C-alpha atoms as a PDB file:
ATOM      1  CA  MET A   1       0.000   0.000   0.000  1.00  0.00           C
ATOM      2  CA  ASP A   2       1.384   3.395  -0.995  1.00  0.00           C
ATOM      3  CA  LEU A   3       1.014   5.714   1.969  1.00  0.00           C
ATOM      4  CA  LYS A   4       2.511   8.796   0.375  1.00  0.00           C
ATOM      5  CA  ALA A   5       0.652  11.909   1.432  1.00  0.00           C
ATOM      6  CA  ALA A   6      -0.985  14.127  -1.159  1.00  0.00           C
ATOM      7  CA  GLY A   7       0.548  17.482  -2.027  1.00  0.00           C
ATOM      8  CA  GLY A   8      -0.216  20.399   0.245  1.00  0.00           C
ATOM      9  CA  LYS A   9      -0.383  18.443   3.486  1.00  0.00           C
ATOM     10  CA  ARG A  10       1.834  19.315   6.432  1.00  0.00           C
ATOM     11  CA  LYS A  11       5.288  17.784   6.646  1.00  0.00           C
ATOM     12  CA  ILE A  12       6.180  15.053   9.111  1.00  0.00           C
ATOM     13  CA  LYS A  13       8.987  16.370  11.322  1.00  0.00           C
ATOM     14  CA  LEU A  14      11.818  13.881  11.818  1.00  0.00           C
ATOM     15  CA  LEU A  15      14.871  13.592  14.055  1.00  0.00           C
ATOM     16  CA  ILE A  16      17.762  11.306  13.081  1.00  0.00           C
ATOM     17  CA  ALA A  17      19.741   9.877  16.018  1.00  0.00           C
ATOM     18  CA  ASP A  18      22.902   8.028  14.987  1.00  0.00           C
ATOM     19  CA  ASP A  19      26.551   8.422  15.943  1.00  0.00           C
ATOM     20  CA  HIS A  20      27.749   8.065  12.328  1.00  0.00           C
ATOM     21  CA  GLN A  21      27.683  11.443  10.604  1.00  0.00           C
ATOM     22  CA  LEU A  22      27.885  10.090   7.060  1.00  0.00           C
ATOM     23  CA  PHE A  23      24.881   7.854   7.680  1.00  0.00           C
ATOM     24  CA  ARG A  24      22.889  10.775   9.095  1.00  0.00           C
ATOM     25  CA  GLU A  25      23.738  13.012   6.157  1.00  0.00           C
ATOM     26  CA  GLY A  26      22.851  10.369   3.571  1.00  0.00           C
ATOM     27  CA  LEU A  27      19.573   9.533   5.261  1.00  0.00           C
ATOM     28  CA  LYS A  28      18.699  13.209   5.622  1.00  0.00           C
ATOM     29  CA  ARG A  29      19.165  13.822   1.887  1.00  0.00           C
ATOM     30  CA  ILE A  30      16.921  10.881   1.018  1.00  0.00           C
ATOM     31  CA  LEU A  31      14.129  11.848   3.415  1.00  0.00           C
ATOM     32  CA  ASN A  32      14.130  15.546   2.572  1.00  0.00           C
ATOM     33  CA  MET A  33      13.456  14.700  -1.070  1.00  0.00           C
ATOM     34  CA  GLU A  34       9.936  13.663  -0.028  1.00  0.00           C
ATOM     35  CA  GLU A  35       7.330  16.421  -0.041  1.00  0.00           C
ATOM     36  CA  ASP A  36       5.731  15.280   3.203  1.00  0.00           C
ATOM     37  CA  LEU A  37       8.918  14.602   5.210  1.00  0.00           C
ATOM     38  CA  GLU A  38      11.322  17.045   6.831  1.00  0.00           C
ATOM     39  CA  VAL A  39      14.419  16.256   8.902  1.00  0.00           C
ATOM     40  CA  ILE A  40      14.542  19.017  11.496  1.00  0.00           C
ATOM     41  CA  GLY A  41      17.539  17.767  13.450  1.00  0.00           C
ATOM     42  CA  GLU A  42      20.373  15.289  13.971  1.00  0.00           C
ATOM     43  CA  CYS A  43      21.797  13.824  17.189  1.00  0.00           C
ATOM     44  CA  SER A  44      24.697  11.505  17.945  1.00  0.00           C
ATOM     45  CA  ASP A  45      23.719  10.203  21.413  1.00  0.00           C
ATOM     46  CA  GLY A  46      20.673   9.587  23.572  1.00  0.00           C
ATOM     47  CA  ILE A  47      21.170  12.631  25.814  1.00  0.00           C
ATOM     48  CA  GLN A  48      21.084  14.934  22.787  1.00  0.00           C
ATOM     49  CA  VAL A  49      17.893  13.209  21.621  1.00  0.00           C
ATOM     50  CA  LEU A  50      16.063  14.048  24.847  1.00  0.00           C
ATOM     51  CA  GLU A  51      17.282  17.650  24.815  1.00  0.00           C
ATOM     52  CA  PHE A  52      16.288  18.123  21.179  1.00  0.00           C
ATOM     53  CA  CYS A  53      12.842  16.583  21.653  1.00  0.00           C
ATOM     54  CA  ASN A  54      12.207  18.810  24.646  1.00  0.00           C
ATOM     55  CA  GLN A  55      12.896  21.914  22.543  1.00  0.00           C
ATOM     56  CA  HIS A  56      11.605  20.999  19.082  1.00  0.00           C
ATOM     57  CA  GLN A  57       9.064  18.159  19.507  1.00  0.00           C
ATOM     58  CA  PRO A  58       9.619  16.065  16.343  1.00  0.00           C
ATOM     59  CA  GLU A  59       6.884  13.602  15.414  1.00  0.00           C
ATOM     60  CA  VAL A  60       9.240  10.695  14.708  1.00  0.00           C
ATOM     61  CA  VAL A  61      12.730   9.827  15.950  1.00  0.00           C
ATOM     62  CA  LEU A  62      14.794   7.452  13.806  1.00  0.00           C
ATOM     63  CA  MET A  63      16.944   5.919  16.526  1.00  0.00           C
ATOM     64  CA  ASP A  64      20.112   3.838  16.322  1.00  0.00           C
ATOM     65  CA  ILE A  65      20.648   1.336  19.155  1.00  0.00           C
ATOM     66  CA  ASN A  66      24.411   1.592  19.619  1.00  0.00           C
ATOM     67  CA  MET A  67      25.214   5.193  20.519  1.00  0.00           C
ATOM     68  CA  PRO A  68      27.696   6.599  23.064  1.00  0.00           C
ATOM     69  CA  ILE A  69      26.838   8.218  26.417  1.00  0.00           C
ATOM     70  CA  GLU A  70      23.261   6.914  26.343  1.00  0.00           C
ATOM     71  CA  ASN A  71      22.208   4.182  23.906  1.00  0.00           C
ATOM     72  CA  GLY A  72      19.039   4.030  21.846  1.00  0.00           C
ATOM     73  CA  VAL A  73      17.282   1.533  24.116  1.00  0.00           C
ATOM     74  CA  VAL A  74      17.590   3.766  27.183  1.00  0.00           C
ATOM     75  CA  ALA A  75      16.723   6.881  25.174  1.00  0.00           C
ATOM     76  CA  THR A  76      13.619   5.169  23.778  1.00  0.00           C
ATOM     77  CA  GLU A  77      12.368   4.309  27.260  1.00  0.00           C
ATOM     78  CA  ARG A  78      12.932   7.857  28.512  1.00  0.00           C
ATOM     79  CA  LEU A  79      11.205   9.315  25.456  1.00  0.00           C
ATOM     80  CA  ARG A  80       8.179   7.103  26.105  1.00  0.00           C
ATOM     81  CA  ASP A  81       7.971   8.423  29.663  1.00  0.00           C
ATOM     82  CA  LEU A  82       8.605  12.102  28.874  1.00  0.00           C
ATOM     83  CA  PHE A  83       7.091  12.501  25.414  1.00  0.00           C
ATOM     84  CA  PRO A  84       4.654   9.623  24.780  1.00  0.00           C
ATOM     85  CA  HIS A  85       3.295  11.320  21.650  1.00  0.00           C
ATOM     86  CA  ILE A  86       6.680  11.082  19.865  1.00  0.00           C
ATOM     87  CA  LYS A  87       7.058   7.938  17.765  1.00  0.00           C
ATOM     88  CA  VAL A  88      10.366   6.034  17.843  1.00  0.00           C
ATOM     89  CA  ILE A  89      11.542   3.889  14.946  1.00  0.00           C
ATOM     90  CA  ILE A  90      14.672   1.863  15.627  1.00  0.00           C
ATOM     91  CA  LEU A  91      17.164   1.801  12.749  1.00  0.00           C
ATOM     92  CA  SER A  92      19.637  -0.979  13.476  1.00  0.00           C
ATOM     93  CA  LEU A  93      22.228  -3.327  12.020  1.00  0.00           C
ATOM     94  CA  HIS A  94      21.018  -6.072  14.376  1.00  0.00           C
ATOM     95  CA  ASP A  95      18.343  -8.496  13.196  1.00  0.00           C
ATOM     96  CA  ASP A  96      18.344 -10.558  16.403  1.00  0.00           C
ATOM     97  CA  GLU A  97      14.858 -10.873  17.871  1.00  0.00           C
ATOM     98  CA  SER A  98      16.071 -10.025  21.375  1.00  0.00           C
ATOM     99  CA  TYR A  99      16.846  -6.472  20.269  1.00  0.00           C
ATOM    100  CA  VAL A 100      13.366  -6.208  18.775  1.00  0.00           C
ATOM    101  CA  PHE A 101      11.685  -7.430  21.971  1.00  0.00           C
ATOM    102  CA  GLU A 102      13.731  -5.084  24.129  1.00  0.00           C
ATOM    103  CA  THR A 103      13.154  -1.932  22.063  1.00  0.00           C
ATOM    104  CA  LEU A 104       9.443  -2.600  21.542  1.00  0.00           C
ATOM    105  CA  ARG A 105       9.095  -3.239  25.266  1.00  0.00           C
ATOM    106  CA  LYS A 106      10.790   0.105  25.941  1.00  0.00           C
ATOM    107  CA  GLY A 107       8.325   1.949  23.701  1.00  0.00           C
ATOM    108  CA  ALA A 108       9.519   1.806  20.074  1.00  0.00           C
ATOM    109  CA  THR A 109       6.793   1.709  17.425  1.00  0.00           C
ATOM    110  CA  GLY A 110       8.954   0.340  14.632  1.00  0.00           C
ATOM    111  CA  TYR A 111      12.099  -1.714  14.109  1.00  0.00           C
ATOM    112  CA  LEU A 112      13.919  -1.440  10.769  1.00  0.00           C
ATOM    113  CA  LEU A 113      17.259  -2.608   9.410  1.00  0.00           C
ATOM    114  CA  LYS A 114      19.669  -0.098   7.949  1.00  0.00           C
ATOM    115  CA  ASP A 115      20.084  -2.048   4.723  1.00  0.00           C
ATOM    116  CA  MET A 116      16.415  -1.737   3.760  1.00  0.00           C
ATOM    117  CA  GLU A 117      15.350   0.130   0.623  1.00  0.00           C
ATOM    118  CA  ALA A 118      14.642   3.844   0.914  1.00  0.00           C
ATOM    119  CA  GLU A 119      11.063   3.467  -0.341  1.00  0.00           C
ATOM    120  CA  SER A 120      10.280   0.902   2.365  1.00  0.00           C
ATOM    121  CA  LEU A 121      11.756   3.160   5.043  1.00  0.00           C
ATOM    122  CA  ILE A 122       9.681   6.100   3.855  1.00  0.00           C
ATOM    123  CA  ASN A 123       6.477   4.064   3.844  1.00  0.00           C
ATOM    124  CA  ALA A 124       7.335   2.743   7.306  1.00  0.00           C
ATOM    125  CA  ILE A 125       7.599   6.302   8.622  1.00  0.00           C
ATOM    126  CA  ARG A 126       4.215   7.184   7.157  1.00  0.00           C
ATOM    127  CA  SER A 127       2.696   4.013   8.600  1.00  0.00           C
ATOM    128  CA  VAL A 128       3.942   4.764  12.107  1.00  0.00           C
ATOM    129  CA  VAL A 129       2.625   8.339  11.953  1.00  0.00           C
ATOM    130  CA  GLN A 130      -0.796   6.946  11.015  1.00  0.00           C
ATOM    131  CA  GLY A 131      -0.778   4.814  14.153  1.00  0.00           C
ATOM    132  CA  TYR A 132       0.578   1.499  12.877  1.00  0.00           C
ATOM    133  CA  ALA A 133       3.596  -0.474  14.095  1.00  0.00           C
ATOM    134  CA  TYR A 134       6.192  -1.534  11.532  1.00  0.00           C
ATOM    135  CA  ILE A 135       8.764  -4.319  11.847  1.00  0.00           C
ATOM    136  CA  HIS A 136      11.242  -5.194   9.104  1.00  0.00           C
ATOM    137  CA  PRO A 137      10.101  -8.356   7.252  1.00  0.00           C
ATOM    138  CA  LYS A 138      13.498 -10.005   7.792  1.00  0.00           C
ATOM    139  CA  VAL A 139      13.048  -9.683  11.546  1.00  0.00           C
ATOM    140  CA  THR A 140       9.384 -10.671  11.663  1.00  0.00           C
ATOM    141  CA  GLY A 141      10.081 -14.367  10.988  1.00  0.00           C
ATOM    142  CA  LYS A 142      12.607 -14.550  13.817  1.00  0.00           C
ATOM    143  CA  LEU A 143      10.192 -12.752  16.098  1.00  0.00           C
ATOM    144  CA  ILE A 144       7.447 -15.273  15.372  1.00  0.00           C
ATOM    145  CA  ASN A 145       9.810 -18.196  16.006  1.00  0.00           C
ATOM    146  CA  GLN A 146      10.839 -16.663  19.319  1.00  0.00           C
ATOM    147  CA  LEU A 147       7.215 -16.235  20.368  1.00  0.00           C
ATOM    148  CA  ARG A 148       6.534 -19.859  19.457  1.00  0.00           C
ATOM    149  CA  ARG A 149       9.552 -20.959  21.496  1.00  0.00           C
ATOM    150  CA  MET A 150       8.400 -18.919  24.487  1.00  0.00           C
ATOM    151  CA  THR A 151       4.890 -20.369  24.198  1.00  0.00           C
ATOM    152  CA  TYR A 152       6.312 -23.893  24.025  1.00  0.00           C
ATOM    153  CA  LEU A 153       8.522 -23.345  27.071  1.00  0.00           C
ATOM    154  CA  ASP A 154       5.592 -21.913  29.018  1.00  0.00           C
ATOM    155  CA  GLU A 155       3.438 -24.908  28.142  1.00  0.00           C
ATOM    156  CA  MET A 156       6.231 -27.250  29.200  1.00  0.00           C
ATOM    157  CA  GLY A 157       6.852 -25.280  32.377  1.00  0.00           C
ATOM    158  CA  ALA A 158      10.430 -24.577  31.320  1.00  0.00           C
ATOM    159  CA  GLY A 159      10.363 -20.862  30.538  1.00  0.00           C
ATOM    160  CA  SER A 160      13.042 -18.364  31.422  1.00  0.00           C
ATOM    161  CA  GLY A 161      13.391 -16.917  34.910  1.00  0.00           C
ATOM    162  CA  ALA A 162      11.968 -18.736  37.889  1.00  0.00           C
ATOM    163  CA  ALA A 163      10.512 -21.663  35.915  1.00  0.00           C
ATOM    164  CA  ALA A 164      13.819 -22.346  34.267  1.00  0.00           C
ATOM    165  CA  GLY A 165      15.520 -22.039  37.633  1.00  0.00           C
ATOM    166  CA  ARG A 166      13.318 -24.752  39.108  1.00  0.00           C
ATOM    167  CA  GLU A 167      14.130 -27.089  36.241  1.00  0.00           C
ATOM    168  CA  THR A 168      17.884 -26.596  36.186  1.00  0.00           C
ATOM    169  CA  GLY A 169      18.732 -25.342  39.658  1.00  0.00           C
ATOM    170  CA  VAL A 170      20.066 -22.050  38.253  1.00  0.00           C
ATOM    171  CA  LYS A 171      17.903 -18.953  38.489  1.00  0.00           C
ATOM    172  CA  PHE A 172      18.465 -15.487  37.048  1.00  0.00           C
ATOM    173  CA  VAL A 173      17.405 -12.638  39.320  1.00  0.00           C
ATOM    174  CA  ALA A 174      17.023  -9.179  37.792  1.00  0.00           C
ATOM    175  CA  GLY A 175      18.684  -6.502  39.892  1.00  0.00           C
ATOM    176  CA  GLU A 176      18.263  -2.733  39.854  1.00  0.00           C
ATOM    177  CA  ASN A 177      21.759  -2.241  38.447  1.00  0.00           C
ATOM    178  CA  ASN A 178      21.547  -5.075  35.955  1.00  0.00           C
ATOM    179  CA  PRO A 179      22.563  -3.666  32.517  1.00  0.00           C
ATOM    180  CA  LEU A 180      21.740  -6.833  30.550  1.00  0.00           C
ATOM    181  CA  THR A 181      18.906  -7.275  28.086  1.00  0.00           C
ATOM    182  CA  ARG A 182      16.434 -10.109  28.599  1.00  0.00           C
ATOM    183  CA  ARG A 183      18.194 -12.274  25.995  1.00  0.00           C
ATOM    184  CA  GLU A 184      21.634 -11.576  27.492  1.00  0.00           C
ATOM    185  CA  ALA A 185      20.208 -12.610  30.868  1.00  0.00           C
ATOM    186  CA  GLU A 186      19.093 -15.911  29.345  1.00  0.00           C
ATOM    187  CA  VAL A 187      22.549 -16.468  27.872  1.00  0.00           C
ATOM    188  CA  LEU A 188      24.241 -15.639  31.169  1.00  0.00           C
ATOM    189  CA  ARG A 189      22.008 -18.077  33.038  1.00  0.00           C
ATOM    190  CA  LEU A 190      22.912 -20.849  30.594  1.00  0.00           C
ATOM    191  CA  MET A 191      26.590 -19.918  30.873  1.00  0.00           C
ATOM    192  CA  ALA A 192      26.252 -20.396  34.626  1.00  0.00           C
ATOM    193  CA  GLU A 193      24.972 -23.902  33.929  1.00  0.00           C
ATOM    194  CA  GLY A 194      28.211 -24.608  32.059  1.00  0.00           C
ATOM    195  CA  LYS A 195      26.672 -24.770  28.594  1.00  0.00           C
ATOM    196  CA  SER A 196      28.860 -24.067  25.559  1.00  0.00           C
ATOM    197  CA  ASN A 197      27.943 -21.499  22.907  1.00  0.00           C
ATOM    198  CA  LYS A 198      26.676 -24.281  20.671  1.00  0.00           C
ATOM    199  CA  MET A 199      24.499 -25.739  23.430  1.00  0.00           C
ATOM    200  CA  ILE A 200      23.137 -22.293  24.308  1.00  0.00           C
ATOM    201  CA  GLY A 201      22.293 -21.668  20.664  1.00  0.00           C
ATOM    202  CA  GLU A 202      20.440 -24.978  20.402  1.00  0.00           C
ATOM    203  CA  PHE A 203      18.514 -24.301  23.604  1.00  0.00           C
ATOM    204  CA  LEU A 204      17.494 -20.759  22.589  1.00  0.00           C
ATOM    205  CA  PHE A 205      17.012 -21.607  18.887  1.00  0.00           C
ATOM    206  CA  ILE A 206      19.565 -19.014  17.741  1.00  0.00           C
ATOM    207  CA  SER A 207      22.832 -19.333  15.833  1.00  0.00           C
ATOM    208  CA  GLU A 208      26.163 -19.924  17.552  1.00  0.00           C
ATOM    209  CA  LYS A 209      27.378 -16.637  16.061  1.00  0.00           C
ATOM    210  CA  THR A 210      24.497 -14.804  17.728  1.00  0.00           C
ATOM    211  CA  VAL A 211      25.391 -16.451  21.038  1.00  0.00           C
ATOM    212  CA  LYS A 212      28.997 -15.257  20.650  1.00  0.00           C
ATOM    213  CA  ASN A 213      27.744 -11.721  20.059  1.00  0.00           C
ATOM    214  CA  HIS A 214      25.635 -11.882  23.216  1.00  0.00           C
ATOM    215  CA  VAL A 215      28.561 -13.271  25.242  1.00  0.00           C
ATOM    216  CA  SER A 216      30.810 -10.444  23.997  1.00  0.00           C
ATOM    217  CA  SER A 217      28.166  -7.897  24.974  1.00  0.00           C
ATOM    218  CA  ILE A 218      27.786  -9.486  28.420  1.00  0.00           C
ATOM    219  CA  LEU A 219      31.551  -9.387  29.053  1.00  0.00           C
ATOM    220  CA  GLN A 220      31.727  -5.774  27.926  1.00  0.00           C
ATOM    221  CA  LYS A 221      28.802  -4.639  30.076  1.00  0.00           C
ATOM    222  CA  MET A 222      30.105  -6.520  33.110  1.00  0.00           C
ATOM    223  CA  GLU A 223      33.658  -5.253  32.447  1.00  0.00           C
ATOM    224  CA  VAL A 224      35.246  -8.699  32.662  1.00  0.00           C
ATOM    225  CA  ASP A 225      37.616 -10.629  30.397  1.00  0.00           C
ATOM    226  CA  ASP A 226      36.096 -14.091  30.297  1.00  0.00           C
ATOM    227  CA  ARG A 227      32.981 -16.189  30.878  1.00  0.00           C
ATOM    228  CA  THR A 228      34.130 -17.490  34.256  1.00  0.00           C
ATOM    229  CA  GLN A 229      34.498 -13.985  35.669  1.00  0.00           C
ATOM    230  CA  ALA A 230      31.085 -13.064  34.281  1.00  0.00           C
ATOM    231  CA  VAL A 231      29.432 -16.018  36.026  1.00  0.00           C
ATOM    232  CA  ILE A 232      31.301 -15.414  39.304  1.00  0.00           C
ATOM    233  CA  ASN A 233      30.359 -11.725  39.322  1.00  0.00           C
ATOM    234  CA  SER A 234      26.738 -12.461  38.442  1.00  0.00           C
ATOM    235  CA  ILE A 235      26.561 -14.718  41.514  1.00  0.00           C
ATOM    236  CA  LYS A 236      28.358 -12.081  43.582  1.00  0.00           C
ATOM    237  CA  TYR A 237      25.899  -9.377  42.472  1.00  0.00           C
ATOM    238  CA  GLY A 238      22.983 -11.687  43.195  1.00  0.00           C
ATOM    239  CA  TRP A 239      21.882 -11.880  39.556  1.00  0.00           C
ATOM    240  CA  VAL A 240      22.284 -15.661  39.472  1.00  0.00           C
ATOM    241  CA  THR A 241      21.488 -18.069  42.312  1.00  0.00           C
ATOM    242  CA  LEU A 242      22.569 -21.713  42.297  1.00  0.00           C
END
């Protein structure tokens, strides 16, 4: 469906939030070619996004996840609380369903991949403004599979969190200072059980490469050098109980 607005209608005001200047400039040129779209600002971190939105009130923020100072996930949650009328569309390189779950849970209305065609991006923006949610087709399949897996685990009584802890003896406990996403928490719990990356991937129905990416993110966030230190610290912090 072509959602392009007819001539003469007001322009949709956009903010681009990404720490790569060349990407922002290229995207801005593409969007400003549309009669009904106008990029009114650019930001390189989440703090700038909040300050800009407070002053200029864009209708849509195109938000990258990985930004310095304050990332897109945190910025999205704060935008939802402070400016619930502003729509957030995540523009990401990551097609892992855990990122989709996390950003949608924090308040994003759309999740798109940066390699998508310009026409699809433009239609996605128009869709979100009209009140629809929009998820990149490449991600949708993974999202459905994850939902099916979660439903299956719930039916079997082997879901994440407390149920999984009862089955395996290892339980993940979310703490106030826990910086991990829900999927990273699952991976950490399975690491504490001594599972390899391959075994974790098979259990969570994700690729071994994706598991490695999650492990790297966990080590970085916990500021440790290896898996053993991550598990020990998670027990020390009370995130994991045996």
